[in-house]
């Protein structure tokens, strides 16, 4: 039976409200646009620290642009509970290491799965070290990411690191649509590829196909 991860999340939130507490959540963010709805939603119930760890972003200029947009969004939001920012180490070589042999994989394939795991594992490690109550990622807001795959990785890492993973499917409840609305409202930079050189190349191929079709 397929799990409805949004319902699982709502159960946890309901329990938190009953206990009348504000848990600490380490939230891995892939970018400001994807985090926008997630922050709006979860900051009602958690004290959030954004963990910006994305070594898959190949170009330094692109990385810095996305980091600054993430920081700007946090300063401009008016959340119920505090939102903090933490930046992970930026070293694209650690991504290229896990991508070896998978360079020709399609978007969403085995290379992406390894990338998800790499970013979530680092989040779990930091969450455990810093005594957070939960960890999770904004990645499930994207219609291009498989929530089931991401949640299975999170559940596995929960057992490995003994830190509670917050299951999610943030694209539910029109989460993705709301992220687009918030991106427009805050004038956020919305990239047209995930971040790595492989996704960038695929995006450029799609553009050429569309241009030729016109």
N, C-alpha and C. Protein backbone atom coordinates (compact mmCIF):
# COMPACT_ATOMS: atom_id res chain seq x y z
N UNK A 1 0.85 -1.21 0.00
CA UNK A 1 0.00 0.00 0.00
C UNK A 1 0.88 1.25 0.00
N UNK A 2 0.56 2.18 -0.90
CA UNK A 2 1.34 3.39 -1.01
C UNK A 2 1.11 4.31 0.18
N UNK A 3 2.19 4.83 0.73
CA UNK A 3 2.10 5.70 1.90
C UNK A 3 1.79 7.13 1.48
N UNK A 4 0.86 7.76 2.17
CA UNK A 4 0.57 9.18 1.96
C UNK A 4 1.42 9.95 2.97
N UNK A 5 2.55 10.48 2.49
CA UNK A 5 3.50 11.12 3.40
C UNK A 5 2.99 12.45 3.95
N UNK A 6 2.09 13.09 3.24
CA UNK A 6 1.49 14.32 3.76
C UNK A 6 0.66 14.02 5.00
N UNK A 7 -0.10 12.93 4.96
CA UNK A 7 -0.90 12.52 6.12
C UNK A 7 0.02 12.16 7.29
N UNK A 8 1.13 11.50 7.00
CA UNK A 8 2.10 11.15 8.05
C UNK A 8 2.65 12.41 8.71
N UNK A 9 2.94 13.41 7.90
CA UNK A 9 3.44 14.68 8.42
C UNK A 9 2.38 15.37 9.29
N UNK A 10 1.15 15.36 8.83
CA UNK A 10 0.07 16.00 9.58
C UNK A 10 -0.15 15.33 10.94
N UNK A 11 0.06 14.03 11.01
CA UNK A 11 -0.06 13.31 12.29
C UNK A 11 1.00 13.80 13.28
N UNK A 12 2.22 13.99 12.78
CA UNK A 12 3.32 14.47 13.64
C UNK A 12 3.03 15.88 14.12
N UNK A 13 2.56 16.73 13.21
CA UNK A 13 2.24 18.11 13.57
C UNK A 13 1.12 18.15 14.62
N UNK A 14 0.14 17.30 14.45
CA UNK A 14 -0.96 17.23 15.42
C UNK A 14 -0.45 16.84 16.81
N UNK A 15 0.47 15.90 16.84
CA UNK A 15 1.05 15.47 18.12
C UNK A 15 1.88 16.58 18.75
N UNK A 16 2.63 17.30 17.93
CA UNK A 16 3.43 18.43 18.41
C UNK A 16 2.53 19.49 19.05
N UNK A 17 1.43 19.77 18.40
CA UNK A 17 0.50 20.77 18.92
C UNK A 17 -0.12 20.35 20.25
N UNK A 18 -0.40 19.05 20.36
CA UNK A 18 -0.95 18.54 21.62
C UNK A 18 0.04 18.70 22.76
N UNK A 19 1.32 18.50 22.43
CA UNK A 19 2.37 18.60 23.45
C UNK A 19 2.77 20.04 23.73
N UNK A 20 2.26 20.97 22.88
CA UNK A 20 2.50 22.39 23.07
C UNK A 20 4.00 22.71 23.15
N UNK A 21 4.74 22.21 22.15
CA UNK A 21 6.18 22.48 22.11
C UNK A 21 6.59 22.92 20.70
N UNK A 22 7.75 23.51 20.60
CA UNK A 22 8.29 23.96 19.31
C UNK A 22 9.59 23.19 19.05
N UNK A 23 9.53 22.07 18.34
CA UNK A 23 10.73 21.27 18.09
C UNK A 23 11.70 21.99 17.15
N UNK A 24 12.97 21.59 17.24
CA UNK A 24 14.01 22.13 16.36
C UNK A 24 14.15 21.23 15.14
N UNK A 25 14.03 21.84 13.97
CA UNK A 25 14.09 21.10 12.71
C UNK A 25 15.27 21.57 11.87
N UNK A 26 16.11 20.63 11.43
CA UNK A 26 17.16 20.95 10.47
C UNK A 26 16.61 20.61 9.09
N UNK A 27 16.42 21.64 8.29
CA UNK A 27 15.77 21.50 6.99
C UNK A 27 16.79 21.68 5.87
N UNK A 28 17.12 20.58 5.20
CA UNK A 28 17.98 20.70 4.03
C UNK A 28 17.22 21.44 2.94
N UNK A 29 17.84 22.45 2.36
CA UNK A 29 17.20 23.21 1.29
C UNK A 29 18.03 23.12 0.02
N UNK A 30 17.34 22.84 -1.09
CA UNK A 30 18.03 22.80 -2.38
C UNK A 30 18.10 24.18 -3.01
N UNK A 31 17.13 25.05 -2.68
CA UNK A 31 17.12 26.41 -3.23
C UNK A 31 16.03 27.22 -2.54
N UNK A 32 16.10 28.53 -2.69
CA UNK A 32 15.11 29.41 -2.07
C UNK A 32 13.69 29.17 -2.58
N UNK A 33 13.46 29.06 -3.90
CA UNK A 33 12.09 28.84 -4.37
C UNK A 33 11.44 27.59 -3.78
N UNK A 34 12.17 26.47 -3.75
CA UNK A 34 11.60 25.25 -3.20
C UNK A 34 11.36 25.36 -1.69
N UNK A 35 12.20 26.14 -1.02
CA UNK A 35 12.06 26.27 0.44
C UNK A 35 10.93 27.22 0.83
N UNK A 36 10.50 28.06 -0.10
CA UNK A 36 9.56 29.13 0.25
C UNK A 36 8.27 28.59 0.88
N UNK A 37 7.61 27.69 0.19
CA UNK A 37 6.38 27.12 0.74
C UNK A 37 6.65 26.30 1.99
N UNK A 38 7.73 25.54 1.97
CA UNK A 38 8.05 24.66 3.11
C UNK A 38 8.27 25.50 4.37
N UNK A 39 8.97 26.61 4.22
CA UNK A 39 9.20 27.50 5.37
C UNK A 39 7.90 28.14 5.83
N UNK A 40 7.09 28.57 4.89
CA UNK A 40 5.80 29.17 5.26
C UNK A 40 4.95 28.17 6.04
N UNK A 41 4.96 26.95 5.61
CA UNK A 41 4.15 25.89 6.21
C UNK A 41 4.72 25.44 7.57
N UNK A 42 5.97 25.04 7.58
CA UNK A 42 6.53 24.40 8.77
C UNK A 42 6.93 25.37 9.88
N UNK A 43 7.18 26.62 9.54
CA UNK A 43 7.59 27.58 10.58
C UNK A 43 6.46 27.88 11.56
N UNK A 44 5.25 27.43 11.24
CA UNK A 44 4.13 27.55 12.18
C UNK A 44 4.31 26.60 13.37
N UNK A 45 5.07 25.52 13.15
CA UNK A 45 5.14 24.44 14.14
C UNK A 45 6.55 24.11 14.63
N UNK A 46 7.58 24.58 13.89
CA UNK A 46 8.96 24.24 14.22
C UNK A 46 9.83 25.50 14.28
N UNK A 47 10.90 25.41 15.04
CA UNK A 47 11.98 26.39 14.92
C UNK A 47 12.95 25.78 13.91
N UNK A 48 13.07 26.42 12.77
CA UNK A 48 13.78 25.83 11.63
C UNK A 48 15.18 26.42 11.46
N UNK A 49 16.12 25.54 11.16
CA UNK A 49 17.43 25.96 10.66
C UNK A 49 17.56 25.42 9.25
N UNK A 50 17.71 26.32 8.30
CA UNK A 50 17.98 25.91 6.91
C UNK A 50 19.41 25.42 6.83
N UNK A 51 19.59 24.22 6.29
CA UNK A 51 20.93 23.68 6.06
C UNK A 51 21.15 23.67 4.56
N UNK A 52 21.99 24.58 4.10
CA UNK A 52 22.25 24.70 2.67
C UNK A 52 23.49 23.89 2.31
N UNK A 53 23.25 22.67 1.86
CA UNK A 53 24.34 21.76 1.49
C UNK A 53 24.03 21.18 0.11
N UNK A 54 24.70 21.71 -0.91
CA UNK A 54 24.42 21.31 -2.29
C UNK A 54 25.70 21.28 -3.13
N UNK A 55 26.57 20.30 -2.88
CA UNK A 55 27.81 20.20 -3.65
C UNK A 55 27.57 19.80 -5.10
N UNK A 56 26.33 19.42 -5.42
CA UNK A 56 25.99 19.07 -6.80
C UNK A 56 25.98 20.29 -7.72
N UNK A 57 25.86 21.49 -7.15
CA UNK A 57 25.87 22.71 -7.97
C UNK A 57 27.29 22.92 -8.47
N UNK A 58 27.49 22.76 -9.77
CA UNK A 58 28.84 22.68 -10.33
C UNK A 58 29.58 24.00 -10.34
N UNK A 59 28.89 25.08 -10.70
CA UNK A 59 29.58 26.36 -10.89
C UNK A 59 29.48 27.24 -9.64
N UNK A 60 30.62 27.78 -9.23
CA UNK A 60 30.68 28.62 -8.03
C UNK A 60 29.75 29.83 -8.12
N UNK A 61 29.71 30.47 -9.27
CA UNK A 61 28.86 31.65 -9.45
C UNK A 61 27.39 31.29 -9.24
N UNK A 62 26.97 30.16 -9.80
CA UNK A 62 25.60 29.70 -9.64
C UNK A 62 25.31 29.35 -8.18
N UNK A 63 26.27 28.70 -7.54
CA UNK A 63 26.12 28.33 -6.13
C UNK A 63 25.93 29.57 -5.26
N UNK A 64 26.79 30.55 -5.45
CA UNK A 64 26.72 31.77 -4.64
C UNK A 64 25.40 32.51 -4.86
N UNK A 65 24.94 32.52 -6.09
CA UNK A 65 23.68 33.19 -6.41
C UNK A 65 22.53 32.54 -5.65
N UNK A 66 22.52 31.22 -5.61
CA UNK A 66 21.45 30.49 -4.93
C UNK A 66 21.54 30.65 -3.41
N UNK A 67 22.76 30.67 -2.89
CA UNK A 67 22.94 30.88 -1.45
C UNK A 67 22.39 32.25 -1.03
N UNK A 68 22.74 33.27 -1.79
CA UNK A 68 22.30 34.63 -1.45
C UNK A 68 20.78 34.76 -1.52
N UNK A 69 20.16 34.09 -2.50
CA UNK A 69 18.70 34.12 -2.58
C UNK A 69 18.07 33.43 -1.38
N UNK A 70 18.70 32.34 -0.93
CA UNK A 70 18.19 31.65 0.26
C UNK A 70 18.26 32.55 1.49
N UNK A 71 19.39 33.22 1.66
CA UNK A 71 19.56 34.12 2.80
C UNK A 71 18.57 35.27 2.73
N UNK A 72 18.40 35.82 1.55
CA UNK A 72 17.48 36.95 1.38
C UNK A 72 16.05 36.56 1.73
N UNK A 73 15.64 35.40 1.27
CA UNK A 73 14.28 34.94 1.56
C UNK A 73 14.05 34.84 3.06
N UNK A 74 15.02 34.28 3.77
CA UNK A 74 14.88 34.12 5.22
C UNK A 74 14.69 35.48 5.91
N UNK A 75 15.47 36.47 5.46
CA UNK A 75 15.38 37.80 6.09
C UNK A 75 14.05 38.50 5.78
N UNK A 76 13.43 38.16 4.65
CA UNK A 76 12.21 38.85 4.24
C UNK A 76 10.93 38.17 4.71
N UNK A 77 11.03 36.90 5.07
CA UNK A 77 9.86 36.19 5.60
C UNK A 77 9.51 36.72 6.99
N UNK A 78 8.26 36.58 7.35
CA UNK A 78 7.82 36.97 8.69
C UNK A 78 7.18 35.75 9.35
N UNK A 79 8.00 34.78 9.77
CA UNK A 79 7.48 33.53 10.31
C UNK A 79 7.01 33.65 11.76
N UNK A 80 6.19 32.71 12.15
CA UNK A 80 5.72 32.65 13.54
C UNK A 80 6.88 32.30 14.47
N UNK A 81 7.71 31.34 14.04
CA UNK A 81 8.88 30.91 14.83
C UNK A 81 10.16 31.23 14.07
N UNK A 82 11.28 31.36 14.79
CA UNK A 82 12.54 31.77 14.15
C UNK A 82 13.01 30.81 13.06
N UNK A 83 13.65 31.38 12.05
CA UNK A 83 14.30 30.61 10.99
C UNK A 83 15.77 31.02 10.96
N UNK A 84 16.65 30.04 11.05
CA UNK A 84 18.09 30.29 11.06
C UNK A 84 18.71 29.73 9.78
N UNK A 85 19.97 30.05 9.56
CA UNK A 85 20.67 29.59 8.35
C UNK A 85 22.01 28.96 8.70
N UNK A 86 22.29 27.83 8.09
CA UNK A 86 23.57 27.16 8.25
C UNK A 86 24.04 26.68 6.87
N UNK A 87 25.26 27.02 6.52
CA UNK A 87 25.79 26.62 5.22
C UNK A 87 26.77 25.46 5.37
N UNK A 88 26.57 24.42 4.59
CA UNK A 88 27.48 23.28 4.59
C UNK A 88 28.70 23.57 3.75
N UNK A 89 29.64 22.63 3.75
CA UNK A 89 30.84 22.78 2.93
C UNK A 89 30.48 22.67 1.46
N UNK A 90 31.05 23.57 0.67
CA UNK A 90 30.82 23.52 -0.78
C UNK A 90 32.05 22.94 -1.47
N UNK A 91 31.91 21.72 -1.92
CA UNK A 91 33.01 21.04 -2.61
C UNK A 91 32.42 20.14 -3.70
N UNK A 92 32.32 20.63 -4.93
CA UNK A 92 31.72 19.86 -6.02
C UNK A 92 32.40 18.51 -6.26
N UNK A 93 33.66 18.39 -5.84
CA UNK A 93 34.39 17.14 -6.08
C UNK A 93 33.73 15.96 -5.36
N UNK A 94 33.09 16.22 -4.22
CA UNK A 94 32.44 15.11 -3.51
C UNK A 94 31.22 14.61 -4.29
N UNK A 95 30.62 15.53 -5.05
CA UNK A 95 29.51 15.10 -5.92
C UNK A 95 30.03 14.32 -7.12
N UNK A 96 31.09 14.83 -7.75
CA UNK A 96 31.64 14.15 -8.92
C UNK A 96 32.14 12.75 -8.56
N UNK A 97 32.57 12.59 -7.33
CA UNK A 97 33.05 11.28 -6.89
C UNK A 97 31.90 10.25 -6.90
N UNK A 98 30.74 10.64 -6.40
CA UNK A 98 29.62 9.69 -6.37
C UNK A 98 28.97 9.52 -7.75
N UNK A 99 29.23 10.50 -8.65
CA UNK A 99 28.62 10.46 -9.98
C UNK A 99 29.45 9.64 -10.98
N UNK A 100 30.63 9.21 -10.56
CA UNK A 100 31.50 8.45 -11.47
C UNK A 100 30.80 7.21 -12.00
N UNK A 101 30.84 7.06 -13.32
CA UNK A 101 30.20 5.90 -13.95
C UNK A 101 28.72 6.10 -14.23
N UNK A 102 28.17 7.22 -13.72
CA UNK A 102 26.73 7.48 -13.88
C UNK A 102 26.48 8.76 -14.67
N UNK A 103 27.51 9.22 -15.35
CA UNK A 103 27.42 10.49 -16.06
C UNK A 103 26.33 10.50 -17.13
N UNK A 104 26.05 9.37 -17.73
CA UNK A 104 25.06 9.30 -18.81
C UNK A 104 23.66 8.93 -18.32
N UNK A 105 23.49 8.80 -17.03
CA UNK A 105 22.17 8.48 -16.47
C UNK A 105 21.19 9.61 -16.76
N UNK A 106 19.93 9.23 -16.96
CA UNK A 106 18.91 10.24 -17.18
C UNK A 106 18.59 10.96 -15.87
N UNK A 107 18.02 12.14 -16.00
CA UNK A 107 17.61 12.91 -14.81
C UNK A 107 16.60 12.10 -14.00
N UNK A 108 16.84 11.99 -12.71
CA UNK A 108 15.96 11.23 -11.84
C UNK A 108 16.39 9.78 -11.66
N UNK A 109 17.48 9.39 -12.31
CA UNK A 109 17.97 8.01 -12.23
C UNK A 109 18.91 7.76 -11.07
N UNK A 110 19.82 6.79 -11.26
CA UNK A 110 20.70 6.35 -10.18
C UNK A 110 21.63 7.46 -9.69
N UNK A 111 22.09 8.32 -10.60
CA UNK A 111 22.98 9.41 -10.19
C UNK A 111 22.25 10.35 -9.23
N UNK A 112 21.01 10.67 -9.55
CA UNK A 112 20.22 11.57 -8.69
C UNK A 112 19.95 10.93 -7.33
N UNK A 113 19.70 9.61 -7.34
CA UNK A 113 19.45 8.92 -6.06
C UNK A 113 20.67 9.04 -5.15
N UNK A 114 21.86 8.87 -5.72
CA UNK A 114 23.08 9.01 -4.93
C UNK A 114 23.26 10.44 -4.42
N UNK A 115 22.87 11.39 -5.24
CA UNK A 115 22.97 12.80 -4.86
C UNK A 115 22.01 13.10 -3.71
N UNK A 116 20.78 12.60 -3.80
CA UNK A 116 19.82 12.78 -2.71
C UNK A 116 20.40 12.21 -1.41
N UNK A 117 20.94 11.00 -1.52
CA UNK A 117 21.47 10.32 -0.34
C UNK A 117 22.62 11.13 0.27
N UNK A 118 23.50 11.63 -0.58
CA UNK A 118 24.65 12.40 -0.09
C UNK A 118 24.21 13.62 0.70
N UNK A 119 23.24 14.34 0.18
CA UNK A 119 22.79 15.57 0.84
C UNK A 119 21.98 15.28 2.10
N UNK A 120 21.15 14.25 2.04
CA UNK A 120 20.37 13.89 3.22
C UNK A 120 21.22 13.29 4.32
N UNK A 121 22.24 12.52 3.94
CA UNK A 121 23.11 11.94 4.96
C UNK A 121 23.86 13.02 5.72
N UNK A 122 24.36 14.01 5.01
CA UNK A 122 25.06 15.11 5.68
C UNK A 122 24.11 15.86 6.61
N UNK A 123 22.88 16.02 6.19
CA UNK A 123 21.86 16.68 7.03
C UNK A 123 21.60 15.88 8.29
N UNK A 124 21.48 14.56 8.13
CA UNK A 124 21.25 13.69 9.29
C UNK A 124 22.41 13.76 10.28
N UNK A 125 23.63 13.75 9.76
CA UNK A 125 24.83 13.82 10.60
C UNK A 125 24.83 15.11 11.44
N UNK A 126 24.58 16.24 10.76
CA UNK A 126 24.60 17.53 11.45
C UNK A 126 23.46 17.61 12.46
N UNK A 127 22.29 17.11 12.07
CA UNK A 127 21.14 17.13 12.98
C UNK A 127 21.44 16.35 14.26
N UNK A 128 22.10 15.23 14.10
CA UNK A 128 22.47 14.41 15.27
C UNK A 128 23.51 15.13 16.12
N UNK A 129 24.53 15.67 15.49
CA UNK A 129 25.61 16.36 16.20
C UNK A 129 25.10 17.58 16.97
N UNK A 130 24.16 18.29 16.37
CA UNK A 130 23.67 19.55 16.96
C UNK A 130 22.39 19.36 17.79
N UNK A 131 21.99 18.13 18.00
CA UNK A 131 20.84 17.81 18.85
C UNK A 131 19.51 18.40 18.37
N UNK A 132 19.29 18.35 17.07
CA UNK A 132 17.99 18.74 16.54
C UNK A 132 16.97 17.64 16.86
N UNK A 133 15.72 18.00 16.85
CA UNK A 133 14.66 17.01 17.09
C UNK A 133 14.31 16.25 15.82
N UNK A 134 14.39 16.94 14.66
CA UNK A 134 14.03 16.35 13.38
C UNK A 134 14.98 16.84 12.28
N UNK A 135 15.01 16.08 11.19
CA UNK A 135 15.64 16.57 9.96
C UNK A 135 14.75 16.18 8.78
N UNK A 136 14.82 16.97 7.73
CA UNK A 136 14.10 16.65 6.49
C UNK A 136 14.66 17.50 5.36
N UNK A 137 14.02 17.44 4.19
CA UNK A 137 14.49 18.18 3.01
C UNK A 137 13.34 18.83 2.27
N UNK A 138 13.64 19.90 1.57
CA UNK A 138 12.66 20.58 0.74
C UNK A 138 12.44 19.86 -0.59
N UNK A 139 13.27 18.90 -0.91
CA UNK A 139 13.25 18.28 -2.23
C UNK A 139 11.90 17.69 -2.63
N UNK A 140 11.10 17.26 -1.65
CA UNK A 140 9.82 16.63 -2.00
C UNK A 140 8.78 17.61 -2.52
N UNK A 141 9.08 18.90 -2.51
CA UNK A 141 8.12 19.87 -3.05
C UNK A 141 8.11 19.84 -4.57
N UNK A 142 9.19 19.37 -5.16
CA UNK A 142 9.31 19.37 -6.62
C UNK A 142 8.52 18.23 -7.27
N UNK A 143 7.77 18.53 -8.32
CA UNK A 143 7.06 17.46 -9.04
C UNK A 143 8.02 16.57 -9.83
N UNK A 144 9.29 16.99 -9.92
CA UNK A 144 10.29 16.22 -10.65
C UNK A 144 11.08 15.28 -9.75
N UNK A 145 10.80 15.34 -8.44
CA UNK A 145 11.49 14.46 -7.48
C UNK A 145 10.50 13.45 -6.92
N UNK A 146 10.97 12.20 -6.78
CA UNK A 146 10.11 11.13 -6.28
C UNK A 146 10.09 11.15 -4.75
N UNK A 147 8.96 11.52 -4.19
CA UNK A 147 8.84 11.63 -2.74
C UNK A 147 9.06 10.29 -2.04
N UNK A 148 8.57 9.22 -2.66
CA UNK A 148 8.74 7.90 -2.05
C UNK A 148 10.22 7.55 -1.91
N UNK A 149 10.99 7.83 -2.92
CA UNK A 149 12.43 7.55 -2.90
C UNK A 149 13.12 8.38 -1.81
N UNK A 150 12.79 9.65 -1.75
CA UNK A 150 13.40 10.55 -0.76
C UNK A 150 13.03 10.14 0.67
N UNK A 151 11.79 9.77 0.89
CA UNK A 151 11.35 9.37 2.23
C UNK A 151 11.96 8.04 2.66
N UNK A 152 12.19 7.15 1.72
CA UNK A 152 12.84 5.89 2.05
C UNK A 152 14.29 6.13 2.47
N UNK A 153 14.95 7.05 1.77
CA UNK A 153 16.32 7.41 2.15
C UNK A 153 16.31 8.02 3.55
N UNK A 154 15.38 8.95 3.79
CA UNK A 154 15.28 9.60 5.10
C UNK A 154 15.03 8.61 6.22
N UNK A 155 14.14 7.64 5.98
CA UNK A 155 13.82 6.63 6.99
C UNK A 155 15.02 5.75 7.29
N UNK A 156 15.78 5.43 6.26
CA UNK A 156 16.99 4.62 6.45
C UNK A 156 18.02 5.38 7.28
N UNK A 157 18.21 6.66 6.97
CA UNK A 157 19.18 7.48 7.69
C UNK A 157 18.74 7.73 9.13
N UNK A 158 17.44 7.77 9.36
CA UNK A 158 16.92 7.90 10.73
C UNK A 158 17.44 6.76 11.60
N UNK A 159 17.41 5.55 11.06
CA UNK A 159 17.89 4.39 11.80
C UNK A 159 19.40 4.41 11.95
N UNK A 160 20.08 4.82 10.88
CA UNK A 160 21.54 4.85 10.89
C UNK A 160 22.09 5.83 11.91
N UNK A 161 21.47 7.00 12.00
CA UNK A 161 22.02 8.07 12.84
C UNK A 161 21.20 8.35 14.09
N UNK A 162 20.12 7.60 14.27
CA UNK A 162 19.28 7.76 15.47
C UNK A 162 18.82 9.20 15.65
N UNK A 163 18.29 9.76 14.54
CA UNK A 163 17.73 11.10 14.57
C UNK A 163 16.45 11.07 13.75
N UNK A 164 15.37 11.61 14.26
CA UNK A 164 14.05 11.44 13.64
C UNK A 164 13.93 12.20 12.32
N UNK A 165 13.52 11.47 11.30
CA UNK A 165 13.29 12.05 9.98
C UNK A 165 11.82 12.46 9.86
N UNK A 166 11.60 13.67 9.40
CA UNK A 166 10.25 14.18 9.21
C UNK A 166 9.79 13.83 7.80
N UNK A 167 8.91 12.83 7.70
CA UNK A 167 8.40 12.43 6.39
C UNK A 167 7.59 13.57 5.77
N UNK A 168 7.63 13.63 4.44
CA UNK A 168 6.92 14.73 3.78
C UNK A 168 6.63 14.41 2.33
N UNK A 169 5.68 15.13 1.81
CA UNK A 169 5.44 15.21 0.37
C UNK A 169 4.92 16.62 0.16
N UNK A 170 5.83 17.58 0.17
CA UNK A 170 5.45 18.98 0.20
C UNK A 170 4.72 19.46 -1.05
N UNK A 171 4.75 18.66 -2.12
CA UNK A 171 4.01 19.05 -3.31
C UNK A 171 2.50 18.90 -3.11
N UNK A 172 2.11 18.12 -2.09
CA UNK A 172 0.69 17.98 -1.76
C UNK A 172 0.14 19.31 -1.25
N UNK A 173 -1.17 19.40 -1.19
CA UNK A 173 -1.83 20.63 -0.72
C UNK A 173 -1.41 21.83 -1.57
N UNK A 174 -1.15 21.57 -2.87
CA UNK A 174 -0.73 22.63 -3.80
C UNK A 174 0.56 23.30 -3.37
N UNK A 175 1.44 22.52 -2.72
CA UNK A 175 2.70 23.07 -2.24
C UNK A 175 3.58 23.62 -3.34
N UNK A 176 3.67 22.90 -4.44
CA UNK A 176 4.51 23.37 -5.55
C UNK A 176 3.93 24.66 -6.15
N UNK A 177 2.61 24.66 -6.32
CA UNK A 177 1.94 25.86 -6.84
C UNK A 177 2.19 27.05 -5.93
N UNK A 178 2.10 26.81 -4.62
CA UNK A 178 2.32 27.91 -3.67
C UNK A 178 3.77 28.38 -3.72
N UNK A 179 4.71 27.47 -3.95
CA UNK A 179 6.12 27.87 -4.04
C UNK A 179 6.35 28.79 -5.24
N UNK A 180 5.63 28.56 -6.32
CA UNK A 180 5.74 29.43 -7.50
C UNK A 180 5.15 30.82 -7.17
N UNK A 181 4.02 30.82 -6.47
CA UNK A 181 3.40 32.09 -6.09
C UNK A 181 4.32 32.90 -5.17
N UNK A 182 4.94 32.22 -4.20
CA UNK A 182 5.84 32.91 -3.27
C UNK A 182 7.10 33.38 -3.98
N UNK A 183 7.58 32.58 -4.93
CA UNK A 183 8.77 32.98 -5.69
C UNK A 183 8.51 34.28 -6.44
N UNK A 184 7.32 34.40 -7.01
CA UNK A 184 6.95 35.62 -7.71
C UNK A 184 6.80 36.78 -6.74
N UNK A 185 6.18 36.51 -5.60
CA UNK A 185 5.94 37.56 -4.60
C UNK A 185 7.25 38.14 -4.07
N UNK A 186 8.25 37.28 -3.89
CA UNK A 186 9.53 37.73 -3.34
C UNK A 186 10.58 37.97 -4.43
N UNK A 187 10.19 37.80 -5.68
CA UNK A 187 11.12 38.04 -6.79
C UNK A 187 12.33 37.12 -6.77
N UNK A 188 12.09 35.85 -6.43
CA UNK A 188 13.20 34.91 -6.29
C UNK A 188 13.73 34.42 -7.64
N UNK A 189 15.00 34.22 -7.68
CA UNK A 189 15.64 33.63 -8.85
C UNK A 189 15.27 32.16 -8.92
N UNK A 190 14.62 31.76 -10.03
CA UNK A 190 14.22 30.37 -10.24
C UNK A 190 15.08 29.78 -11.35
N UNK A 191 15.99 28.88 -10.98
CA UNK A 191 16.85 28.24 -11.95
C UNK A 191 16.05 27.23 -12.78
N UNK A 192 16.55 26.91 -13.97
CA UNK A 192 15.82 25.96 -14.82
C UNK A 192 16.50 24.59 -14.88
N UNK A 193 17.39 24.35 -13.93
CA UNK A 193 18.00 23.02 -13.82
C UNK A 193 18.39 22.78 -12.36
N UNK A 194 18.56 21.52 -12.01
CA UNK A 194 18.76 21.14 -10.61
C UNK A 194 20.02 21.77 -10.01
N UNK A 195 21.13 21.68 -10.75
CA UNK A 195 22.36 22.25 -10.21
C UNK A 195 23.63 21.66 -10.79
N UNK A 196 23.62 20.36 -11.06
CA UNK A 196 24.83 19.72 -11.57
C UNK A 196 24.99 19.97 -13.07
N UNK A 197 26.19 19.72 -13.56
CA UNK A 197 26.49 19.95 -14.97
C UNK A 197 25.64 19.06 -15.87
N UNK A 198 25.29 17.89 -15.36
CA UNK A 198 24.50 16.95 -16.16
C UNK A 198 23.07 17.45 -16.34
N UNK A 199 22.49 17.97 -15.27
CA UNK A 199 21.12 18.51 -15.38
C UNK A 199 21.13 19.80 -16.20
N UNK A 200 22.22 20.55 -16.12
CA UNK A 200 22.33 21.77 -16.93
C UNK A 200 22.38 21.43 -18.41
N UNK A 201 23.15 20.41 -18.74
CA UNK A 201 23.25 19.98 -20.14
C UNK A 201 21.89 19.50 -20.67
N UNK A 202 21.14 18.77 -19.82
CA UNK A 202 19.82 18.30 -20.24
C UNK A 202 18.86 19.47 -20.45
N UNK A 203 18.96 20.47 -19.59
CA UNK A 203 18.09 21.64 -19.72
C UNK A 203 18.39 22.38 -21.02
N UNK A 204 19.68 22.49 -21.37
CA UNK A 204 20.08 23.16 -22.60
C UNK A 204 19.60 22.39 -23.83
N UNK A 205 19.63 21.07 -23.74
CA UNK A 205 19.12 20.24 -24.84
C UNK A 205 17.63 20.46 -25.04
N UNK A 206 16.90 20.54 -23.92
CA UNK A 206 15.45 20.77 -24.01
C UNK A 206 15.14 22.12 -24.65
N UNK A 207 15.95 23.13 -24.30
CA UNK A 207 15.75 24.47 -24.87
C UNK A 207 15.94 24.44 -26.40
N UNK A 208 16.97 23.73 -26.84
CA UNK A 208 17.26 23.65 -28.26
C UNK A 208 16.14 22.94 -29.01
N UNK A 209 15.60 21.89 -28.39
CA UNK A 209 14.48 21.16 -29.00
C UNK A 209 13.27 22.07 -29.16
N UNK A 210 12.99 22.86 -28.12
CA UNK A 210 11.86 23.79 -28.15
C UNK A 210 12.07 24.89 -29.20
N UNK A 211 13.31 25.39 -29.28
CA UNK A 211 13.62 26.42 -30.26
C UNK A 211 13.48 25.91 -31.68
N UNK A 212 13.93 24.68 -31.91
CA UNK A 212 13.83 24.07 -33.24
C UNK A 212 12.38 23.82 -33.62
N UNK A 213 11.58 23.47 -32.59
CA UNK A 213 10.15 23.20 -32.83
C UNK A 213 9.42 24.47 -33.24
N UNK A 214 9.89 25.62 -32.69
CA UNK A 214 9.27 26.90 -33.04
C UNK A 214 9.62 27.29 -34.47
